[in-house]
Amino acid sequence: MSDAKVFLNGHIDVPADRLTDVTAALPQHIALTRAEAGVSSY
């Protein structure tokens, strides 16, 4: 296995009428992403 590191940074454009739903879903999405194998920092 390679010791190469990947750094990912992103941006999400959310329509105003979906902002409440997306904001509510983000904590779960973040938790699932951080729990993925190989994620070492955030």
C-alpha atoms as a PDB file:
ATOM      1  CA  MET A   1       0.000   0.000   0.000  1.00  0.00           C
ATOM      2  CA  SER A   2       1.216   3.497  -0.843  1.00  0.00           C
ATOM      3  CA  ASP A   3       1.948   6.133   1.783  1.00  0.00           C
ATOM      4  CA  ALA A   4       0.619   8.829  -0.568  1.00  0.00           C
ATOM      5  CA  LYS A   5      -1.790  11.272   1.003  1.00  0.00           C
ATOM      6  CA  VAL A   6      -4.775  12.908  -0.597  1.00  0.00           C
ATOM      7  CA  PHE A   7      -6.103  16.200   0.681  1.00  0.00           C
ATOM      8  CA  LEU A   8      -9.659  17.035  -0.247  1.00  0.00           C
ATOM      9  CA  ASN A   9     -11.390  20.351   0.118  1.00  0.00           C
ATOM     10  CA  GLY A  10     -14.836  21.079  -1.219  1.00  0.00           C
ATOM     11  CA  HIS A  11     -17.707  23.479  -1.576  1.00  0.00           C
ATOM     12  CA  ILE A  12     -21.408  22.763  -1.902  1.00  0.00           C
ATOM     13  CA  ASP A  13     -23.792  25.184  -3.607  1.00  0.00           C
ATOM     14  CA  VAL A  14     -27.180  24.639  -1.976  1.00  0.00           C
ATOM     15  CA  PRO A  15     -30.380  26.218  -3.240  1.00  0.00           C
ATOM     16  CA  ALA A  16     -31.983  28.406  -0.573  1.00  0.00           C
ATOM     17  CA  ASP A  17     -35.074  26.207  -0.423  1.00  0.00           C
ATOM     18  CA  ARG A  18     -32.943  23.139   0.490  1.00  0.00           C
ATOM     19  CA  LEU A  19     -30.553  24.812   2.939  1.00  0.00           C
ATOM     20  CA  THR A  20     -32.404  23.643   6.062  1.00  0.00           C
ATOM     21  CA  ASP A  21     -32.437  20.012   4.904  1.00  0.00           C
ATOM     22  CA  VAL A  22     -28.782  20.018   3.848  1.00  0.00           C
ATOM     23  CA  THR A  23     -27.674  21.723   7.068  1.00  0.00           C
ATOM     24  CA  ALA A  24     -29.539  19.109   9.101  1.00  0.00           C
ATOM     25  CA  ALA A  25     -27.937  16.238   7.149  1.00  0.00           C
ATOM     26  CA  LEU A  26     -24.344  17.508   7.311  1.00  0.00           C
ATOM     27  CA  PRO A  27     -23.433  16.240  10.820  1.00  0.00           C
ATOM     28  CA  GLN A  28     -24.287  12.648   9.830  1.00  0.00           C
ATOM     29  CA  HIS A  29     -22.429  13.006   6.540  1.00  0.00           C
ATOM     30  CA  ILE A  30     -19.364  14.364   8.335  1.00  0.00           C
ATOM     31  CA  ALA A  31     -19.444  11.563  10.920  1.00  0.00           C
ATOM     32  CA  LEU A  32     -19.685   8.893   8.224  1.00  0.00           C
ATOM     33  CA  THR A  33     -16.839  10.458   6.240  1.00  0.00           C
ATOM     34  CA  ARG A  34     -14.576  10.656   9.306  1.00  0.00           C
ATOM     35  CA  ALA A  35     -15.335   7.002  10.111  1.00  0.00           C
ATOM     36  CA  GLU A  36     -14.075   5.792   6.718  1.00  0.00           C
ATOM     37  CA  ALA A  37     -10.935   3.694   6.707  1.00  0.00           C
ATOM     38  CA  GLY A  38      -7.823   5.735   6.094  1.00  0.00           C
ATOM     39  CA  VAL A  39      -9.188   9.098   7.208  1.00  0.00           C
ATOM     40  CA  SER A  40      -6.491  10.392   9.506  1.00  0.00           C
ATOM     41  CA  SER A  41      -7.289  14.092   9.918  1.00  0.00           C
ATOM     42  CA  TYR A  42     -10.031  16.577   9.279  1.00  0.00           C
END
